[in-house]
Amino acid sequence: MRQLMHMIYAAFLMLLATRAGISIDPDMTTPDFRDFHQRLIAGEIDTLKPEEQVQYAKVHLNKALKNMWTGRFAESVAQVADVHVKS
């Protein structure tokens, strides 16, 4: 569910930004998820700006991808697959 939430946030924020005419650079560098949120809490980031929305989308996308490479994610997928195979 966490990875799904990250993907939904990324898609929504990218949609908002592209509707404002912002292009999305797939190679753009972004801060770490935790660092971005610390800056967000500190009021250093305005998520109403399309440029910030793209960056936030990319932060969520990178977090989802990072999490999907973990052993925990692989185990979770295996458990779900195992339940569906037994049904």
PDB file of N, CA and C in Angstrom:
ATOM      1  N   MET A   1       0.820  -1.200   0.000  1.00  0.00           N
ATOM      2  CA  MET A   1       0.000   0.000   0.000  1.00  0.00           C
ATOM      3  C   MET A   1       0.864   1.266   0.000  1.00  0.00           C
ATOM      4  N   ARG A   2       2.004   1.213   0.665  1.00  0.00           N
ATOM      5  CA  ARG A   2       2.866   2.403   0.686  1.00  0.00           C
ATOM      6  C   ARG A   2       3.363   2.746  -0.714  1.00  0.00           C
ATOM      7  N   GLN A   3       3.750   1.722  -1.441  1.00  0.00           N
ATOM      8  CA  GLN A   3       4.263   1.966  -2.794  1.00  0.00           C
ATOM      9  C   GLN A   3       3.143   2.498  -3.690  1.00  0.00           C
ATOM     10  N   LEU A   4       1.943   1.991  -3.500  1.00  0.00           N
ATOM     11  CA  LEU A   4       0.795   2.482  -4.260  1.00  0.00           C
ATOM     12  C   LEU A   4       0.538   3.957  -3.931  1.00  0.00           C
ATOM     13  N   MET A   5       0.619   4.304  -2.652  1.00  0.00           N
ATOM     14  CA  MET A   5       0.430   5.696  -2.241  1.00  0.00           C
ATOM     15  C   MET A   5       1.483   6.604  -2.883  1.00  0.00           C
ATOM     16  N   HIS A   6       2.735   6.153  -2.883  1.00  0.00           N
ATOM     17  CA  HIS A   6       3.796   6.946  -3.518  1.00  0.00           C
ATOM     18  C   HIS A   6       3.510   7.138  -5.011  1.00  0.00           C
ATOM     19  N   MET A   7       3.070   6.091  -5.671  1.00  0.00           N
ATOM     20  CA  MET A   7       2.793   6.176  -7.105  1.00  0.00           C
ATOM     21  C   MET A   7       1.602   7.102  -7.389  1.00  0.00           C
ATOM     22  N   ILE A   8       0.574   7.035  -6.548  1.00  0.00           N
ATOM     23  CA  ILE A   8      -0.589   7.916  -6.733  1.00  0.00           C
ATOM     24  C   ILE A   8      -0.186   9.376  -6.549  1.00  0.00           C
ATOM     25  N   TYR A   9       0.579   9.657  -5.488  1.00  0.00           N
ATOM     26  CA  TYR A   9       1.058  11.026  -5.279  1.00  0.00           C
ATOM     27  C   TYR A   9       1.888  11.491  -6.470  1.00  0.00           C
ATOM     28  N   ALA A  10       2.781  10.651  -6.944  1.00  0.00           N
ATOM     29  CA  ALA A  10       3.634  11.030  -8.072  1.00  0.00           C
ATOM     30  C   ALA A  10       2.792  11.344  -9.307  1.00  0.00           C
ATOM     31  N   ALA A  11       1.837  10.483  -9.616  1.00  0.00           N
ATOM     32  CA  ALA A  11       0.994  10.696 -10.797  1.00  0.00           C
ATOM     33  C   ALA A  11       0.159  11.967 -10.657  1.00  0.00           C
ATOM     34  N   PHE A  12      -0.436  12.171  -9.497  1.00  0.00           N
ATOM     35  CA  PHE A  12      -1.267  13.346  -9.273  1.00  0.00           C
ATOM     36  C   PHE A  12      -0.460  14.637  -9.383  1.00  0.00           C
ATOM     37  N   LEU A  13       0.689  14.661  -8.739  1.00  0.00           N
ATOM     38  CA  LEU A  13       1.523  15.864  -8.769  1.00  0.00           C
ATOM     39  C   LEU A  13       2.074  16.142 -10.164  1.00  0.00           C
ATOM     40  N   MET A  14       2.417  15.096 -10.903  1.00  0.00           N
ATOM     41  CA  MET A  14       2.886  15.293 -12.278  1.00  0.00           C
ATOM     42  C   MET A  14       1.765  15.818 -13.161  1.00  0.00           C
ATOM     43  N   LEU A  15       0.557  15.310 -12.937  1.00  0.00           N
ATOM     44  CA  LEU A  15      -0.590  15.793 -13.700  1.00  0.00           C
ATOM     45  C   LEU A  15      -0.820  17.280 -13.439  1.00  0.00           C
ATOM     46  N   LEU A  16      -0.788  17.677 -12.168  1.00  0.00           N
ATOM     47  CA  LEU A  16      -0.958  19.096 -11.833  1.00  0.00           C
ATOM     48  C   LEU A  16       0.102  19.955 -12.514  1.00  0.00           C
ATOM     49  N   ALA A  17       1.333  19.518 -12.442  1.00  0.00           N
ATOM     50  CA  ALA A  17       2.433  20.299 -13.010  1.00  0.00           C
ATOM     51  C   ALA A  17       2.331  20.394 -14.532  1.00  0.00           C
ATOM     52  N   THR A  18       2.008  19.296 -15.188  1.00  0.00           N
ATOM     53  CA  THR A  18       1.922  19.340 -16.650  1.00  0.00           C
ATOM     54  C   THR A  18       0.746  20.184 -17.113  1.00  0.00           C
ATOM     55  N   ARG A  19      -0.317  20.212 -16.339  1.00  0.00           N
ATOM     56  CA  ARG A  19      -1.447  21.088 -16.694  1.00  0.00           C
ATOM     57  C   ARG A  19      -1.069  22.557 -16.588  1.00  0.00           C
ATOM     58  N   ALA A  20      -0.061  22.837 -15.766  1.00  0.00           N
ATOM     59  CA  ALA A  20       0.436  24.208 -15.639  1.00  0.00           C
ATOM     60  C   ALA A  20       1.505  24.516 -16.679  1.00  0.00           C
ATOM     61  N   GLY A  21       1.794  23.542 -17.560  1.00  0.00           N
ATOM     62  CA  GLY A  21       2.748  23.769 -18.643  1.00  0.00           C
ATOM     63  C   GLY A  21       4.189  23.421 -18.308  1.00  0.00           C
ATOM     64  N   ILE A  22       4.424  22.760 -17.206  1.00  0.00           N
ATOM     65  CA  ILE A  22       5.773  22.382 -16.798  1.00  0.00           C
ATOM     66  C   ILE A  22       6.133  21.049 -17.446  1.00  0.00           C
ATOM     67  N   SER A  23       7.305  20.973 -18.046  1.00  0.00           N
ATOM     68  CA  SER A  23       7.769  19.694 -18.597  1.00  0.00           C
ATOM     69  C   SER A  23       8.502  18.923 -17.507  1.00  0.00           C
ATOM     70  N   ILE A  24       8.466  17.615 -17.621  1.00  0.00           N
ATOM     71  CA  ILE A  24       9.064  16.753 -16.604  1.00  0.00           C
ATOM     72  C   ILE A  24      10.348  16.158 -17.157  1.00  0.00           C
ATOM     73  N   ASP A  25      11.439  16.450 -16.485  1.00  0.00           N
ATOM     74  CA  ASP A  25      12.748  15.923 -16.862  1.00  0.00           C
ATOM     75  C   ASP A  25      12.963  14.615 -16.108  1.00  0.00           C
ATOM     76  N   PRO A  26      12.977  13.483 -16.799  1.00  0.00           N
ATOM     77  CA  PRO A  26      13.143  12.200 -16.099  1.00  0.00           C
ATOM     78  C   PRO A  26      14.500  12.065 -15.412  1.00  0.00           C
ATOM     79  N   ASP A  27      15.469  12.873 -15.808  1.00  0.00           N
ATOM     80  CA  ASP A  27      16.809  12.788 -15.215  1.00  0.00           C
ATOM     81  C   ASP A  27      17.053  13.827 -14.120  1.00  0.00           C
ATOM     82  N   MET A  28      16.020  14.564 -13.748  1.00  0.00           N
ATOM     83  CA  MET A  28      16.221  15.592 -12.727  1.00  0.00           C
ATOM     84  C   MET A  28      16.624  14.955 -11.399  1.00  0.00           C
ATOM     85  N   THR A  29      17.507  15.621 -10.714  1.00  0.00           N
ATOM     86  CA  THR A  29      17.923  15.131  -9.410  1.00  0.00           C
ATOM     87  C   THR A  29      17.013  15.732  -8.351  1.00  0.00           C
ATOM     88  N   THR A  30      16.747  14.941  -7.330  1.00  0.00           N
ATOM     89  CA  THR A  30      15.871  15.386  -6.249  1.00  0.00           C
ATOM     90  C   THR A  30      16.499  15.029  -4.914  1.00  0.00           C
ATOM     91  N   PRO A  31      16.090  15.740  -3.884  1.00  0.00           N
ATOM     92  CA  PRO A  31      16.608  15.402  -2.563  1.00  0.00           C
ATOM     93  C   PRO A  31      16.005  14.086  -2.070  1.00  0.00           C
ATOM     94  N   ASP A  32      16.565  13.593  -1.010  1.00  0.00           N
ATOM     95  CA  ASP A  32      16.059  12.409  -0.349  1.00  0.00           C
ATOM     96  C   ASP A  32      14.635  12.687   0.173  1.00  0.00           C
ATOM     97  N   PHE A  33      13.831  11.645   0.297  1.00  0.00           N
ATOM     98  CA  PHE A  33      12.452  11.752   0.771  1.00  0.00           C
ATOM     99  C   PHE A  33      12.382  12.480   2.115  1.00  0.00           C
ATOM    100  N   ARG A  34      13.216  12.062   3.058  1.00  0.00           N
ATOM    101  CA  ARG A  34      13.216  12.662   4.397  1.00  0.00           C
ATOM    102  C   ARG A  34      13.673  14.126   4.337  1.00  0.00           C
ATOM    103  N   ASP A  35      14.715  14.395   3.575  1.00  0.00           N
ATOM    104  CA  ASP A  35      15.212  15.764   3.443  1.00  0.00           C
ATOM    105  C   ASP A  35      14.159  16.691   2.852  1.00  0.00           C
ATOM    106  N   PHE A  36      13.471  16.199   1.827  1.00  0.00           N
ATOM    107  CA  PHE A  36      12.435  17.010   1.195  1.00  0.00           C
ATOM    108  C   PHE A  36      11.344  17.347   2.198  1.00  0.00           C
ATOM    109  N   HIS A  37      10.918  16.349   2.975  1.00  0.00           N
ATOM    110  CA  HIS A  37       9.851  16.594   3.950  1.00  0.00           C
ATOM    111  C   HIS A  37      10.294  17.521   5.078  1.00  0.00           C
ATOM    112  N   GLN A  38      11.541  17.443   5.464  1.00  0.00           N
ATOM    113  CA  GLN A  38      12.040  18.378   6.476  1.00  0.00           C
ATOM    114  C   GLN A  38      11.984  19.813   5.953  1.00  0.00           C
ATOM    115  N   ARG A  39      12.357  19.995   4.688  1.00  0.00           N
ATOM    116  CA  ARG A  39      12.275  21.320   4.071  1.00  0.00           C
ATOM    117  C   ARG A  39      10.818  21.762   3.912  1.00  0.00           C
ATOM    118  N   LEU A  40       9.937  20.829   3.616  1.00  0.00           N
ATOM    119  CA  LEU A  40       8.510  21.113   3.478  1.00  0.00           C
ATOM    120  C   LEU A  40       7.934  21.576   4.818  1.00  0.00           C
ATOM    121  N   ILE A  41       8.264  20.868   5.877  1.00  0.00           N
ATOM    122  CA  ILE A  41       7.796  21.222   7.221  1.00  0.00           C
ATOM    123  C   ILE A  41       8.350  22.576   7.650  1.00  0.00           C
ATOM    124  N   ALA A  42       9.580  22.862   7.275  1.00  0.00           N
ATOM    125  CA  ALA A  42      10.218  24.136   7.626  1.00  0.00           C
ATOM    126  C   ALA A  42       9.658  25.312   6.828  1.00  0.00           C
ATOM    127  N   GLY A  43       8.800  25.030   5.854  1.00  0.00           N
ATOM    128  CA  GLY A  43       8.201  26.091   5.053  1.00  0.00           C
ATOM    129  C   GLY A  43       9.086  26.579   3.924  1.00  0.00           C
ATOM    130  N   GLU A  44      10.113  25.813   3.592  1.00  0.00           N
ATOM    131  CA  GLU A  44      11.029  26.206   2.530  1.00  0.00           C
ATOM    132  C   GLU A  44      10.513  25.829   1.142  1.00  0.00           C
ATOM    133  N   ILE A  45       9.475  25.026   1.089  1.00  0.00           N
ATOM    134  CA  ILE A  45       8.939  24.541  -0.184  1.00  0.00           C
ATOM    135  C   ILE A  45       7.469  24.927  -0.286  1.00  0.00           C
ATOM    136  N   ASP A  46       7.097  25.465  -1.430  1.00  0.00           N
ATOM    137  CA  ASP A  46       5.711  25.839  -1.709  1.00  0.00           C
ATOM    138  C   ASP A  46       5.148  24.845  -2.714  1.00  0.00           C
ATOM    139  N   THR A  47       4.342  23.912  -2.245  1.00  0.00           N
ATOM    140  CA  THR A  47       3.824  22.857  -3.125  1.00  0.00           C
ATOM    141  C   THR A  47       2.725  23.358  -4.072  1.00  0.00           C
ATOM    142  N   LEU A  48       2.413  24.632  -4.003  1.00  0.00           N
ATOM    143  CA  LEU A  48       1.476  25.189  -4.974  1.00  0.00           C
ATOM    144  C   LEU A  48       2.185  25.597  -6.260  1.00  0.00           C
ATOM    145  N   LYS A  49       3.508  25.666  -6.221  1.00  0.00           N
ATOM    146  CA  LYS A  49       4.289  25.994  -7.419  1.00  0.00           C
ATOM    147  C   LYS A  49       4.489  24.729  -8.250  1.00  0.00           C
ATOM    148  N   PRO A  50       4.188  24.801  -9.545  1.00  0.00           N
ATOM    149  CA  PRO A  50       4.321  23.614 -10.393  1.00  0.00           C
ATOM    150  C   PRO A  50       5.729  22.999 -10.390  1.00  0.00           C
ATOM    151  N   GLU A  51       6.755  23.835 -10.307  1.00  0.00           N
ATOM    152  CA  GLU A  51       8.126  23.304 -10.282  1.00  0.00           C
ATOM    153  C   GLU A  51       8.352  22.448  -9.036  1.00  0.00           C
ATOM    154  N   GLU A  52       7.785  22.877  -7.915  1.00  0.00           N
ATOM    155  CA  GLU A  52       7.905  22.128  -6.670  1.00  0.00           C
ATOM    156  C   GLU A  52       7.062  20.857  -6.730  1.00  0.00           C
ATOM    157  N   GLN A  53       5.942  20.915  -7.427  1.00  0.00           N
ATOM    158  CA  GLN A  53       5.093  19.734  -7.585  1.00  0.00           C
ATOM    159  C   GLN A  53       5.823  18.648  -8.360  1.00  0.00           C
ATOM    160  N   VAL A  54       6.543  19.063  -9.400  1.00  0.00           N
ATOM    161  CA  VAL A  54       7.323  18.084 -10.169  1.00  0.00           C
ATOM    162  C   VAL A  54       8.392  17.464  -9.286  1.00  0.00           C
ATOM    163  N   GLN A  55       9.054  18.292  -8.518  1.00  0.00           N
ATOM    164  CA  GLN A  55      10.102  17.764  -7.642  1.00  0.00           C
ATOM    165  C   GLN A  55       9.508  16.818  -6.604  1.00  0.00           C
ATOM    166  N   TYR A  56       8.375  17.188  -6.025  1.00  0.00           N
ATOM    167  CA  TYR A  56       7.724  16.334  -5.030  1.00  0.00           C
ATOM    168  C   TYR A  56       7.269  15.026  -5.671  1.00  0.00           C
ATOM    169  N   ALA A  57       6.764  15.105  -6.889  1.00  0.00           N
ATOM    170  CA  ALA A  57       6.365  13.890  -7.607  1.00  0.00           C
ATOM    171  C   ALA A  57       7.563  12.963  -7.781  1.00  0.00           C
ATOM    172  N   LYS A  58       8.668  13.540  -8.174  1.00  0.00           N
ATOM    173  CA  LYS A  58       9.888  12.758  -8.383  1.00  0.00           C
ATOM    174  C   LYS A  58      10.410  12.173  -7.073  1.00  0.00           C
ATOM    175  N   VAL A  59      10.282  12.919  -5.977  1.00  0.00           N
ATOM    176  CA  VAL A  59      10.677  12.412  -4.655  1.00  0.00           C
ATOM    177  C   VAL A  59       9.850  11.172  -4.310  1.00  0.00           C
ATOM    178  N   HIS A  60       8.533  11.246  -4.534  1.00  0.00           N
ATOM    179  CA  HIS A  60       7.663  10.092  -4.258  1.00  0.00           C
ATOM    180  C   HIS A  60       7.983   8.922  -5.188  1.00  0.00           C
ATOM    181  N   LEU A  61       8.207   9.214  -6.453  1.00  0.00           N
ATOM    182  CA  LEU A  61       8.531   8.149  -7.407  1.00  0.00           C
ATOM    183  C   LEU A  61       9.832   7.452  -7.025  1.00  0.00           C
ATOM    184  N   ASN A  62      10.843   8.227  -6.677  1.00  0.00           N
ATOM    185  CA  ASN A  62      12.119   7.639  -6.275  1.00  0.00           C
ATOM    186  C   ASN A  62      11.985   6.800  -5.006  1.00  0.00           C
ATOM    187  N   LYS A  63      11.162   7.263  -4.067  1.00  0.00           N
ATOM    188  CA  LYS A  63      10.953   6.506  -2.823  1.00  0.00           C
ATOM    189  C   LYS A  63      10.271   5.175  -3.124  1.00  0.00           C
ATOM    190  N   ALA A  64       9.271   5.199  -3.986  1.00  0.00           N
ATOM    191  CA  ALA A  64       8.581   3.956  -4.352  1.00  0.00           C
ATOM    192  C   ALA A  64       9.548   2.980  -5.012  1.00  0.00           C
ATOM    193  N   LEU A  65      10.331   3.468  -5.958  1.00  0.00           N
ATOM    194  CA  LEU A  65      11.284   2.598  -6.655  1.00  0.00           C
ATOM    195  C   LEU A  65      12.335   2.037  -5.701  1.00  0.00           C
ATOM    196  N   LYS A  66      12.819   2.880  -4.802  1.00  0.00           N
ATOM    197  CA  LYS A  66      13.798   2.426  -3.812  1.00  0.00           C
ATOM    198  C   LYS A  66      13.199   1.324  -2.933  1.00  0.00           C
ATOM    199  N   ASN A  67      11.963   1.534  -2.485  1.00  0.00           N
ATOM    200  CA  ASN A  67      11.304   0.546  -1.633  1.00  0.00           C
ATOM    201  C   ASN A  67      11.031  -0.765  -2.368  1.00  0.00           C
ATOM    202  N   MET A  68      10.755  -0.671  -3.666  1.00  0.00           N
ATOM    203  CA  MET A  68      10.444  -1.879  -4.437  1.00  0.00           C
ATOM    204  C   MET A  68      11.665  -2.766  -4.654  1.00  0.00           C
ATOM    205  N   TRP A  69      12.845  -2.250  -4.390  1.00  0.00           N
ATOM    206  CA  TRP A  69      14.063  -3.057  -4.520  1.00  0.00           C
ATOM    207  C   TRP A  69      14.475  -3.725  -3.209  1.00  0.00           C
ATOM    208  N   THR A  70      13.673  -3.567  -2.159  1.00  0.00           N
ATOM    209  CA  THR A  70      14.034  -4.142  -0.860  1.00  0.00           C
ATOM    210  C   THR A  70      13.582  -5.592  -0.760  1.00  0.00           C
ATOM    211  N   GLY A  71      14.229  -6.319   0.124  1.00  0.00           N
ATOM    212  CA  GLY A  71      13.829  -7.698   0.393  1.00  0.00           C
ATOM    213  C   GLY A  71      12.436  -7.769   0.984  1.00  0.00           C
ATOM    214  N   ARG A  72      12.082  -6.773   1.789  1.00  0.00           N
ATOM    215  CA  ARG A  72      10.746  -6.747   2.407  1.00  0.00           C
ATOM    216  C   ARG A  72       9.657  -6.692   1.339  1.00  0.00           C
ATOM    217  N   PHE A  73       9.872  -5.876   0.312  1.00  0.00           N
ATOM    218  CA  PHE A  73       8.885  -5.777  -0.765  1.00  0.00           C
ATOM    219  C   PHE A  73       8.772  -7.110  -1.504  1.00  0.00           C
ATOM    220  N   ALA A  74       9.900  -7.735  -1.795  1.00  0.00           N
ATOM    221  CA  ALA A  74       9.888  -9.027  -2.487  1.00  0.00           C
ATOM    222  C   ALA A  74       9.141 -10.077  -1.657  1.00  0.00           C
ATOM    223  N   GLU A  75       9.367 -10.069  -0.353  1.00  0.00           N
ATOM    224  CA  GLU A  75       8.666 -11.011   0.524  1.00  0.00           C
ATOM    225  C   GLU A  75       7.158 -10.750   0.522  1.00  0.00           C
ATOM    226  N   SER A  76       6.780  -9.492   0.536  1.00  0.00           N
ATOM    227  CA  SER A  76       5.356  -9.141   0.525  1.00  0.00           C
ATOM    228  C   SER A  76       4.687  -9.593  -0.767  1.00  0.00           C
ATOM    229  N   VAL A  77       5.349  -9.364  -1.878  1.00  0.00           N
ATOM    230  CA  VAL A  77       4.797  -9.794  -3.163  1.00  0.00           C
ATOM    231  C   VAL A  77       4.673 -11.320  -3.199  1.00  0.00           C
ATOM    232  N   ALA A  78       5.667 -12.013  -2.668  1.00  0.00           N
ATOM    233  CA  ALA A  78       5.629 -13.477  -2.634  1.00  0.00           C
ATOM    234  C   ALA A  78       4.472 -13.975  -1.771  1.00  0.00           C
ATOM    235  N   GLN A  79       4.215 -13.318  -0.650  1.00  0.00           N
ATOM    236  CA  GLN A  79       3.109 -13.723   0.219  1.00  0.00           C
ATOM    237  C   GLN A  79       1.772 -13.532  -0.473  1.00  0.00           C
ATOM    238  N   VAL A  80       1.607 -12.413  -1.141  1.00  0.00           N
ATOM    239  CA  VAL A  80       0.357 -12.153  -1.853  1.00  0.00           C
ATOM    240  C   VAL A  80       0.189 -13.158  -2.990  1.00  0.00           C
ATOM    241  N   ALA A  81       1.247 -13.417  -3.715  1.00  0.00           N
ATOM    242  CA  ALA A  81       1.182 -14.387  -4.820  1.00  0.00           C
ATOM    243  C   ALA A  81       0.851 -15.760  -4.292  1.00  0.00           C
ATOM    244  N   ASP A  82       1.424 -16.140  -3.160  1.00  0.00           N
ATOM    245  CA  ASP A  82       1.188 -17.458  -2.569  1.00  0.00           C
ATOM    246  C   ASP A  82      -0.288 -17.605  -2.158  1.00  0.00           C
ATOM    247  N   VAL A  83      -0.870 -16.579  -1.606  1.00  0.00           N
ATOM    248  CA  VAL A  83      -2.283 -16.614  -1.192  1.00  0.00           C
ATOM    249  C   VAL A  83      -3.172 -16.800  -2.410  1.00  0.00           C
ATOM    250  N   HIS A  84      -2.877 -16.108  -3.486  1.00  0.00           N
ATOM    251  CA  HIS A  84      -3.709 -16.212  -4.676  1.00  0.00           C
ATOM    252  C   HIS A  84      -3.537 -17.552  -5.384  1.00  0.00           C
ATOM    253  N   VAL A  85      -2.382 -18.149  -5.297  1.00  0.00           N
ATOM    254  CA  VAL A  85      -2.166 -19.441  -5.917  1.00  0.00           C
ATOM    255  C   VAL A  85      -2.936 -20.540  -5.163  1.00  0.00           C
ATOM    256  N   LYS A  86      -3.004 -20.433  -3.841  1.00  0.00           N
ATOM    257  CA  LYS A  86      -3.696 -21.429  -3.019  1.00  0.00           C
ATOM    258  C   LYS A  86      -5.199 -21.308  -3.133  1.00  0.00           C
ATOM    259  N   SER A  87      -5.713 -20.153  -3.521  1.00  0.00           N
ATOM    260  CA  SER A  87      -7.167 -19.948  -3.581  1.00  0.00           C
ATOM    261  C   SER A  87      -7.811 -20.695  -4.710  1.00  0.00           C
TER     262      SER A  87
END
